[in-house]
Amino acid sequence: MAHLLVIESWVGAMSTLLPRAIRDAGHRFTFLTRDLHHYLRSAPSTRPHPLLAADNVLTAETNDLSALLSQVERLHDALGFDGVLSSCDYYLPAVAEVAAHLGLPGPSPEAVRRACRKDLARAALQGAGVPGPRFAAASSWEQAVEAAAGLGYPLVVKPVDLCAGMYVRKVRDPAELRTAFLALKEFPVNARGQRRTPVVLLEELLTGPEVSVETVSADGDVHVVGVTGKSLAGEPWFVESGHLFPAALDADLAGQVERTAVAAVQALGLDRGVAHTELRLTPDGPALIEVNPCPAGNQITGIDLPMAHARLAAGQQPDLTPADTGVRSAAIAFLLPEHAGRIAAVHGTDGLAAAPDAVDWSVKPAGHQAGEPTSNNHYLGHVMVTDTSGGGAGARAQELVAGLKVEYER
């Protein structure tokens, strides 16, 4: 039985999936956080948050790497950790540093740091010849104007160090560029209290459907779990409205997508761990959007990726054999807010409860404060569907979500 150290976590689906996966793998864990109340507030029900069922729940300043390394070293002497991990992107570089410091399994800190900084990742991918958009990084308004003129409109503006599509938007002219640039300038600290890198990434706008590739890397091998189709909504934002697995691609295109994702993971040096790589299927072929060095938040791939994440952290080789469940396709569709406001009710859930193919669903309760529909952080619910006869899960999930109606307080 391995003893794993979990340093921080998302508070969405992965925060419940990861503790379960660690236990199911036969391991135990200690949870380390700087803000215990963040998880107490985010408990998924009246029960305590699953992360707080750890063998030990400890506090430390996880945003200060030097202090964190010192404290974790003392904890390691007392408790003896076999691995360290997190599900929260903002702490992946710190986790890699801790693993290296303690001599535990994991990718190199340099590789993780590079993957988590979109500008550094772009440069590494371009240098390795992995197809992607033309791009430029800007740390001042003058640099942004010059870069935009060189790239040409429309283009995509994004922060180099935020997640879930936050502040990623399409801009069509200098006025919209100014709005996007100022919005990022006014957000100097991320949601976990970490000071942001004041760099804006400008990219050529890629057109075509979006997909993602889930991979598991270990012992010099990059194993492709599969390709997921993705739907987007809410232009000029890039909000994910649903996922379908497997993506509806012919074998030749799927092979191109997989090879491109593997090349990207290797170019970044991510030699141990689970990665979620996003691509656009452009008229010129698959092109990289980004590589995320952690499991995706969806649950539809047929492989227990949180379990793989836990086993890799413990220095083990995960079992990546798909379970034969009889399911031909699986999908998740998200309920997006129309606008910000307080929710009075979400109507239509009786239909979800009665749908035999809806294997999981949830909606936000009355009183929830909805945000603007500008990122993946503001979903009001989801529906997960399986199809045992073909590839119809995606359309069915979207149909069920379309039957939900959000009523706002007046």
Protein backbone atom coordinates (compact mmCIF):
# COMPACT_ATOMS: atom_id res chain seq x y z
CA MET A 1 0.00 0.00 0.00
CA ALA A 2 1.50 3.31 -1.11
CA HIS A 3 1.10 6.52 0.85
CA LEU A 4 0.45 9.43 -1.52
CA LEU A 5 0.61 13.15 -0.78
CA VAL A 6 -2.14 15.14 -2.50
CA ILE A 7 -1.26 18.84 -2.71
CA GLU A 8 -4.41 20.87 -3.37
CA SER A 9 -7.12 19.88 -5.87
CA TRP A 10 -9.88 21.17 -8.04
CA VAL A 11 -13.22 21.18 -6.24
CA GLY A 12 -15.24 19.85 -9.19
CA ALA A 13 -15.57 16.28 -10.43
CA MET A 14 -11.88 15.44 -10.19
CA SER A 15 -11.84 16.29 -6.48
CA THR A 16 -14.21 13.36 -5.88
CA LEU A 17 -12.76 11.04 -8.53
CA LEU A 18 -9.15 11.26 -7.35
CA PRO A 19 -9.71 10.27 -3.69
CA ARG A 20 -11.86 7.35 -4.86
CA ALA A 21 -9.19 6.28 -7.37
CA ILE A 22 -6.44 6.37 -4.73
CA ARG A 23 -8.48 4.19 -2.37
CA ASP A 24 -9.53 1.79 -5.16
CA ALA A 25 -5.88 1.40 -6.15
CA GLY A 26 -5.26 0.11 -2.63
CA HIS A 27 -3.42 3.22 -1.47
CA ARG A 28 -3.93 5.86 1.21
CA PHE A 29 -3.27 9.58 1.10
CA THR A 30 -2.49 12.71 3.05
CA PHE A 31 -4.11 15.94 1.86
CA LEU A 32 -2.17 19.21 2.10
CA THR A 33 -3.81 22.60 1.52
CA ARG A 34 -3.31 26.25 2.33
CA ASP A 35 -7.04 26.91 2.73
CA LEU A 36 -9.12 24.15 4.29
CA HIS A 37 -12.27 26.30 4.09
CA HIS A 38 -12.02 26.28 0.28
CA TYR A 39 -12.92 22.58 0.39
CA LEU A 40 -15.37 22.83 3.26
CA ARG A 41 -17.34 25.38 1.24
CA SER A 42 -17.23 23.16 -1.83
CA ALA A 43 -18.51 19.91 -0.32
CA PRO A 44 -20.68 18.23 -2.98
CA SER A 45 -23.48 17.44 -0.51
CA THR A 46 -24.22 17.50 3.18
CA ARG A 47 -21.38 14.97 3.61
CA PRO A 48 -17.77 16.13 4.10
CA HIS A 49 -15.71 16.63 1.00
CA PRO A 50 -14.00 13.34 -0.07
CA LEU A 51 -10.59 14.99 0.11
CA LEU A 52 -11.15 15.54 3.81
CA ALA A 53 -11.46 11.78 4.33
CA ALA A 54 -7.67 11.52 3.91
CA ASP A 55 -5.61 9.77 6.56
CA ASN A 56 -4.18 13.18 7.41
CA VAL A 57 -5.48 16.64 6.50
CA LEU A 58 -2.74 19.22 6.95
CA THR A 59 -2.22 22.88 6.17
CA ALA A 60 0.82 24.55 4.63
CA GLU A 61 1.54 27.57 2.47
CA THR A 62 1.35 25.74 -0.83
CA ASN A 63 1.86 28.97 -2.80
CA ASP A 64 5.38 29.44 -1.41
CA LEU A 65 7.58 26.79 -3.02
CA SER A 66 10.57 27.26 -0.70
CA ALA A 67 8.44 26.99 2.44
CA LEU A 68 6.48 24.09 0.93
CA LEU A 69 9.61 22.08 0.18
CA SER A 70 10.86 22.54 3.74
CA GLN A 71 7.58 21.52 5.32
CA VAL A 72 7.00 18.55 2.99
CA GLU A 73 10.51 17.31 3.71
CA ARG A 74 9.73 17.26 7.43
CA LEU A 75 6.39 15.56 6.77
CA HIS A 76 8.11 12.96 4.59
CA ASP A 77 10.51 12.15 7.42
CA ALA A 78 7.56 11.57 9.73
CA LEU A 79 4.95 10.00 7.43
CA GLY A 80 6.91 8.50 4.53
CA PHE A 81 5.38 9.33 1.16
CA ASP A 82 5.64 7.11 -1.91
CA GLY A 83 4.35 9.68 -4.37
CA VAL A 84 2.91 13.16 -4.73
CA LEU A 85 0.16 14.45 -7.02
CA SER A 86 -2.56 17.03 -7.55
CA SER A 87 -5.55 17.47 -9.83
CA CYS A 88 -5.28 21.27 -9.87
CA ASP A 89 -3.28 22.75 -12.77
CA TYR A 90 -2.08 25.66 -10.64
CA TYR A 91 -0.14 23.28 -8.37
CA LEU A 92 1.31 20.88 -10.94
CA PRO A 93 4.68 22.70 -11.12
CA ALA A 94 4.95 22.66 -7.31
CA VAL A 95 4.07 18.95 -7.22
CA ALA A 96 6.81 18.20 -9.75
CA GLU A 97 9.29 20.18 -7.64
CA VAL A 98 8.26 18.31 -4.49
CA ALA A 99 8.57 14.93 -6.22
CA ALA A 100 12.04 15.78 -7.50
CA HIS A 101 13.10 17.14 -4.10
CA LEU A 102 12.00 13.97 -2.30
CA GLY A 103 13.23 11.61 -5.03
CA LEU A 104 9.71 10.39 -5.83
CA PRO A 105 8.29 9.41 -9.26
CA GLY A 106 7.17 12.14 -11.64
CA PRO A 107 8.03 14.16 -14.74
CA SER A 108 10.80 16.73 -14.56
CA PRO A 109 9.85 20.07 -12.99
CA GLU A 110 11.16 21.84 -16.09
CA ALA A 111 8.83 19.85 -18.36
CA VAL A 112 5.78 20.55 -16.18
CA ARG A 113 6.63 24.23 -15.83
CA ARG A 114 7.00 24.47 -19.60
CA ALA A 115 3.67 22.72 -20.23
CA CYS A 116 1.83 24.93 -17.73
CA ARG A 117 3.09 28.17 -19.33
CA LYS A 118 1.35 28.49 -22.68
CA ASP A 119 3.99 30.80 -24.16
CA LEU A 120 6.86 28.48 -23.20
CA ALA A 121 4.93 25.47 -24.48
CA ARG A 122 4.25 27.20 -27.81
CA ALA A 123 7.94 27.92 -28.30
CA ALA A 124 8.95 24.33 -27.45
CA LEU A 125 6.32 22.85 -29.76
CA GLN A 126 7.27 25.14 -32.60
CA GLY A 127 10.93 24.26 -32.12
CA ALA A 128 10.05 20.55 -32.35
CA GLY A 129 8.05 21.05 -35.53
CA VAL A 130 4.66 20.22 -33.99
CA PRO A 131 1.96 21.99 -36.06
CA GLY A 132 0.22 24.88 -34.35
CA PRO A 133 -0.85 28.48 -34.89
CA ARG A 134 1.47 31.39 -35.50
CA PHE A 135 1.82 33.21 -32.19
CA ALA A 136 3.48 36.01 -30.27
CA ALA A 137 3.80 36.86 -26.58
CA ALA A 138 3.31 40.39 -25.29
CA SER A 139 3.96 41.91 -21.88
CA SER A 140 2.89 45.46 -22.80
CA TRP A 141 0.12 47.08 -24.80
CA GLU A 142 2.62 48.31 -27.37
CA GLN A 143 3.94 44.78 -27.88
CA ALA A 144 0.39 43.44 -28.20
CA VAL A 145 -0.49 45.97 -30.90
CA GLU A 146 2.67 45.15 -32.84
CA ALA A 147 2.11 41.40 -32.50
CA ALA A 148 -1.51 41.65 -33.60
CA ALA A 149 -0.52 43.62 -36.68
CA GLY A 150 1.96 40.92 -37.60
CA LEU A 151 -0.46 38.03 -37.02
CA GLY A 152 -3.51 39.72 -38.52
CA TYR A 153 -7.12 39.73 -37.30
CA PRO A 154 -9.12 37.82 -36.21
CA LEU A 155 -6.89 36.21 -33.59
CA VAL A 156 -7.09 34.56 -30.18
CA VAL A 157 -5.97 36.28 -26.99
CA LYS A 158 -5.26 34.19 -23.92
CA PRO A 159 -3.41 34.37 -20.60
CA VAL A 160 -0.32 32.17 -20.37
CA ASP A 161 -1.16 30.72 -16.95
CA LEU A 162 -4.91 30.34 -16.43
CA CYS A 163 -7.17 27.30 -16.87
CA ALA A 164 -10.70 26.34 -17.94
CA GLY A 165 -10.72 28.79 -20.84
CA MET A 166 -10.64 31.80 -18.53
CA TYR A 167 -10.14 35.06 -20.46
CA VAL A 168 -9.54 33.19 -23.73
CA ARG A 169 -11.38 35.02 -26.47
CA LYS A 170 -11.50 35.78 -30.16
CA VAL A 171 -10.76 39.40 -31.07
CA ARG A 172 -11.56 40.95 -34.43
CA ASP A 173 -9.99 44.38 -34.26
CA PRO A 174 -7.75 46.66 -32.12
CA ALA A 175 -10.70 47.77 -29.98
CA GLU A 176 -11.53 44.20 -28.96
CA LEU A 177 -7.83 43.53 -28.43
CA ARG A 178 -7.71 46.48 -26.04
CA THR A 179 -10.71 45.15 -24.10
CA ALA A 180 -9.14 41.70 -23.78
CA PHE A 181 -5.74 43.08 -22.80
CA LEU A 182 -7.15 45.34 -20.09
CA ALA A 183 -9.33 42.55 -18.68
CA LEU A 184 -6.25 40.42 -18.14
CA LYS A 185 -4.29 43.31 -16.68
CA GLU A 186 -7.03 43.75 -14.07
CA PHE A 187 -6.74 40.08 -13.00
CA PRO A 188 -3.22 39.94 -11.50
CA VAL A 189 -3.87 37.02 -9.11
CA ASN A 190 -5.49 33.68 -9.97
CA ALA A 191 -8.29 31.97 -8.07
CA ARG A 192 -5.79 30.28 -5.73
CA GLY A 193 -4.07 33.50 -4.70
CA GLN A 194 -1.00 33.02 -6.91
CA ARG A 195 0.42 36.07 -8.67
CA ARG A 196 0.05 35.67 -12.41
CA THR A 197 2.71 36.04 -15.08
CA PRO A 198 1.88 39.37 -16.81
CA VAL A 199 2.25 37.98 -20.33
CA VAL A 200 -0.51 37.77 -22.94
CA LEU A 201 -0.39 35.20 -25.73
CA LEU A 202 -1.73 36.16 -29.15
CA GLU A 203 -2.38 33.36 -31.62
CA GLU A 204 -3.54 32.91 -35.16
CA LEU A 205 -7.21 31.83 -35.12
CA LEU A 206 -7.47 28.14 -35.97
CA THR A 207 -10.67 26.94 -37.63
CA GLY A 208 -12.23 23.49 -37.62
CA PRO A 209 -13.66 21.05 -35.08
CA GLU A 210 -11.90 20.64 -31.73
CA VAL A 211 -10.80 17.32 -30.26
CA SER A 212 -8.70 16.17 -27.34
CA VAL A 213 -6.37 13.21 -26.92
CA GLU A 214 -5.88 11.51 -23.57
CA THR A 215 -2.45 9.92 -23.12
CA VAL A 216 -0.55 8.12 -20.40
CA SER A 217 3.26 8.32 -20.39
CA ALA A 218 5.59 5.98 -18.52
CA ASP A 219 8.89 4.20 -19.05
CA GLY A 220 9.58 5.94 -22.36
CA ASP A 221 6.19 5.09 -23.87
CA VAL A 222 3.26 7.39 -24.65
CA HIS A 223 0.03 5.37 -24.70
CA VAL A 224 -2.98 6.91 -26.44
CA VAL A 225 -6.21 6.21 -24.56
CA GLY A 226 -8.38 7.72 -27.30
CA VAL A 227 -9.68 10.83 -29.04
CA THR A 228 -12.60 12.84 -27.67
CA GLY A 229 -14.79 15.09 -29.81
CA LYS A 230 -15.63 18.48 -28.30
CA SER A 231 -18.33 21.06 -28.95
CA LEU A 232 -17.91 24.77 -28.24
CA ALA A 233 -20.37 27.57 -27.58
CA GLY A 234 -20.53 31.26 -26.80
CA GLU A 235 -18.37 33.15 -29.30
CA PRO A 236 -16.19 35.19 -28.77
CA TRP A 237 -15.46 32.81 -25.89
CA PHE A 238 -14.35 29.21 -26.25
CA VAL A 239 -16.60 27.48 -23.72
CA GLU A 240 -16.85 23.69 -23.96
CA SER A 241 -20.50 22.67 -24.20
CA GLY A 242 -19.97 18.92 -24.53
CA HIS A 243 -17.65 15.96 -25.15
CA LEU A 244 -18.16 12.74 -27.13
CA PHE A 245 -16.00 9.61 -26.86
CA PRO A 246 -14.83 8.26 -29.17
CA ALA A 247 -14.74 11.20 -31.57
CA ALA A 248 -16.46 10.59 -34.89
CA LEU A 249 -13.28 10.48 -37.00
CA ASP A 250 -12.18 8.14 -39.76
CA ALA A 251 -9.18 5.96 -39.01
CA ASP A 252 -6.74 8.04 -41.07
CA LEU A 253 -7.63 11.34 -39.40
CA ALA A 254 -7.70 9.74 -35.96
CA GLY A 255 -4.20 8.43 -36.57
CA GLN A 256 -2.98 11.91 -37.56
CA VAL A 257 -4.51 13.38 -34.43
CA GLU A 258 -2.96 10.75 -32.17
CA ARG A 259 0.51 11.11 -33.72
CA THR A 260 0.38 14.89 -33.35
CA ALA A 261 -0.61 14.64 -29.69
CA VAL A 262 2.13 12.11 -28.94
CA ALA A 263 4.70 14.33 -30.66
CA ALA A 264 3.55 17.27 -28.51
CA VAL A 265 3.78 15.33 -25.23
CA GLN A 266 7.26 14.14 -26.16
CA ALA A 267 8.38 17.60 -27.28
CA LEU A 268 7.45 19.02 -23.88
CA GLY A 269 9.33 16.25 -22.08
CA LEU A 270 6.30 14.88 -20.21
CA ASP A 271 7.68 11.39 -19.72
CA ARG A 272 5.54 10.30 -16.77
CA GLY A 273 1.90 11.11 -16.17
CA VAL A 274 -1.51 11.60 -17.71
CA ALA A 275 -1.92 14.35 -20.29
CA HIS A 276 -4.92 15.97 -21.95
CA THR A 277 -3.96 17.43 -25.34
CA GLU A 278 -6.33 19.72 -27.25
CA LEU A 279 -6.19 20.15 -31.03
CA ARG A 280 -8.10 21.76 -33.89
CA LEU A 281 -8.83 19.82 -37.06
CA THR A 282 -7.89 22.60 -39.49
CA PRO A 283 -8.12 22.35 -43.29
CA ASP A 284 -4.33 21.82 -43.23
CA GLY A 285 -4.49 19.00 -40.67
CA PRO A 286 -4.45 18.68 -36.88
CA ALA A 287 -2.91 21.64 -35.04
CA LEU A 288 -2.05 21.92 -31.35
CA ILE A 289 -4.00 24.16 -29.02
CA GLU A 290 -2.34 23.08 -25.75
CA VAL A 291 -1.13 20.16 -23.63
CA ASN A 292 -2.40 19.87 -20.06
CA PRO A 293 -0.21 17.59 -17.90
CA CYS A 294 -3.04 16.12 -15.84
CA PRO A 295 -6.26 14.11 -16.34
CA ALA A 296 -9.18 15.82 -18.03
CA GLY A 297 -12.26 16.62 -15.99
CA ASN A 298 -14.65 14.48 -18.05
CA GLN A 299 -15.37 10.83 -17.22
CA ILE A 300 -16.27 9.28 -20.58
CA THR A 301 -13.12 7.67 -21.97
CA GLY A 302 -13.68 4.14 -20.66
CA ILE A 303 -10.29 4.15 -18.90
CA ASP A 304 -9.99 5.18 -15.27
CA LEU A 305 -7.60 8.09 -15.79
CA PRO A 306 -7.67 9.25 -12.14
CA MET A 307 -6.62 5.70 -11.24
CA ALA A 308 -3.79 5.88 -13.80
CA HIS A 309 -2.78 9.26 -12.36
CA ALA A 310 -2.60 7.77 -8.85
CA ARG A 311 -0.70 4.65 -9.90
CA LEU A 312 1.87 6.65 -11.86
CA ALA A 313 2.45 8.92 -8.86
CA ALA A 314 3.10 5.81 -6.78
CA GLY A 315 5.69 4.60 -9.29
CA GLN A 316 3.45 1.85 -10.65
CA GLN A 317 2.42 0.93 -14.19
CA PRO A 318 -1.35 1.50 -14.62
CA ASP A 319 -3.60 -1.02 -16.34
CA LEU A 320 -4.82 0.70 -19.52
CA THR A 321 -6.97 -2.15 -20.81
CA PRO A 322 -10.44 -0.79 -21.64
CA ALA A 323 -13.26 -2.46 -19.77
CA ASP A 324 -15.77 -4.21 -22.04
CA THR A 325 -18.96 -2.52 -20.89
CA GLY A 326 -20.90 -2.87 -24.13
CA VAL A 327 -21.00 0.91 -24.54
CA ARG A 328 -20.33 2.11 -28.09
CA SER A 329 -20.18 5.82 -27.27
CA ALA A 330 -20.39 8.06 -24.22
CA ALA A 331 -20.93 11.78 -23.92
CA ILE A 332 -21.32 14.61 -21.47
CA ALA A 333 -23.19 17.85 -22.18
CA PHE A 334 -23.04 20.94 -19.99
CA LEU A 335 -25.75 23.37 -18.98
CA LEU A 336 -24.44 26.88 -19.62
CA PRO A 337 -25.80 30.05 -18.01
CA GLU A 338 -27.47 32.57 -20.26
CA HIS A 339 -26.07 35.36 -18.11
CA ALA A 340 -24.95 36.10 -14.58
CA GLY A 341 -27.56 36.07 -11.81
CA ARG A 342 -28.98 34.11 -8.91
CA ILE A 343 -30.72 30.84 -9.80
CA ALA A 344 -34.33 30.41 -8.68
CA ALA A 345 -34.71 26.89 -10.11
CA VAL A 346 -33.58 24.56 -12.88
CA HIS A 347 -36.65 22.98 -14.49
CA GLY A 348 -36.79 19.74 -16.46
CA THR A 349 -34.82 17.43 -14.18
CA ASP A 350 -37.72 14.96 -14.06
CA GLY A 351 -36.87 14.06 -17.63
CA LEU A 352 -33.29 13.31 -16.65
CA ALA A 353 -34.35 11.10 -13.77
CA ALA A 354 -36.59 9.12 -16.12
CA ALA A 355 -34.03 8.74 -18.94
CA PRO A 356 -32.45 5.25 -18.77
CA ASP A 357 -29.44 6.33 -20.87
CA ALA A 358 -28.62 9.28 -18.57
CA VAL A 359 -26.08 7.58 -16.31
CA ASP A 360 -25.17 10.70 -14.34
CA TRP A 361 -26.49 14.23 -14.06
CA SER A 362 -26.55 17.20 -11.72
CA VAL A 363 -27.72 20.81 -11.66
CA LYS A 364 -26.94 23.73 -9.40
CA PRO A 365 -29.42 24.32 -6.57
CA ALA A 366 -31.67 27.29 -6.08
CA GLY A 367 -29.74 30.23 -4.72
CA HIS A 368 -26.59 29.48 -6.72
CA GLN A 369 -24.95 32.61 -8.12
CA ALA A 370 -24.35 32.01 -11.82
CA GLY A 371 -21.47 33.71 -13.58
CA GLU A 372 -21.24 34.99 -17.11
CA PRO A 373 -20.96 32.23 -19.76
CA THR A 374 -17.34 33.07 -20.55
CA SER A 375 -15.39 30.01 -19.29
CA ASN A 376 -15.72 26.37 -18.27
CA ASN A 377 -15.87 27.45 -14.62
CA HIS A 378 -19.50 28.52 -14.78
CA TYR A 379 -21.44 25.40 -15.73
CA LEU A 380 -24.86 25.09 -14.11
CA GLY A 381 -25.06 21.34 -14.56
CA HIS A 382 -24.25 18.37 -16.75
CA VAL A 383 -25.77 15.22 -18.22
CA MET A 384 -23.74 12.08 -19.03
CA VAL A 385 -25.14 9.59 -21.54
CA THR A 386 -24.10 6.20 -22.87
CA ASP A 387 -25.17 4.54 -26.12
CA THR A 388 -24.85 0.76 -26.47
CA SER A 389 -25.80 0.67 -30.15
CA GLY A 390 -23.69 3.33 -31.87
CA GLY A 391 -22.31 6.85 -31.80
CA GLY A 392 -25.45 8.68 -30.76
CA ALA A 393 -24.49 9.59 -27.20
CA GLY A 394 -23.41 13.14 -28.07
CA ALA A 395 -26.67 14.15 -29.75
CA ARG A 396 -28.68 12.50 -26.98
CA ALA A 397 -26.77 14.32 -24.23
CA GLN A 398 -27.29 17.66 -25.97
CA GLU A 399 -31.00 16.84 -26.37
CA LEU A 400 -31.38 16.16 -22.67
CA VAL A 401 -29.54 19.34 -21.66
CA ALA A 402 -31.72 21.34 -24.07
CA GLY A 403 -34.73 20.17 -22.04
CA LEU A 404 -33.43 21.98 -18.95
CA LYS A 405 -34.63 25.53 -18.34
CA VAL A 406 -32.93 27.90 -15.93
CA GLU A 407 -35.15 30.32 -14.00
CA TYR A 408 -33.39 33.33 -12.50
CA GLU A 409 -34.49 35.28 -9.45
CA ARG A 410 -36.06 38.58 -10.34
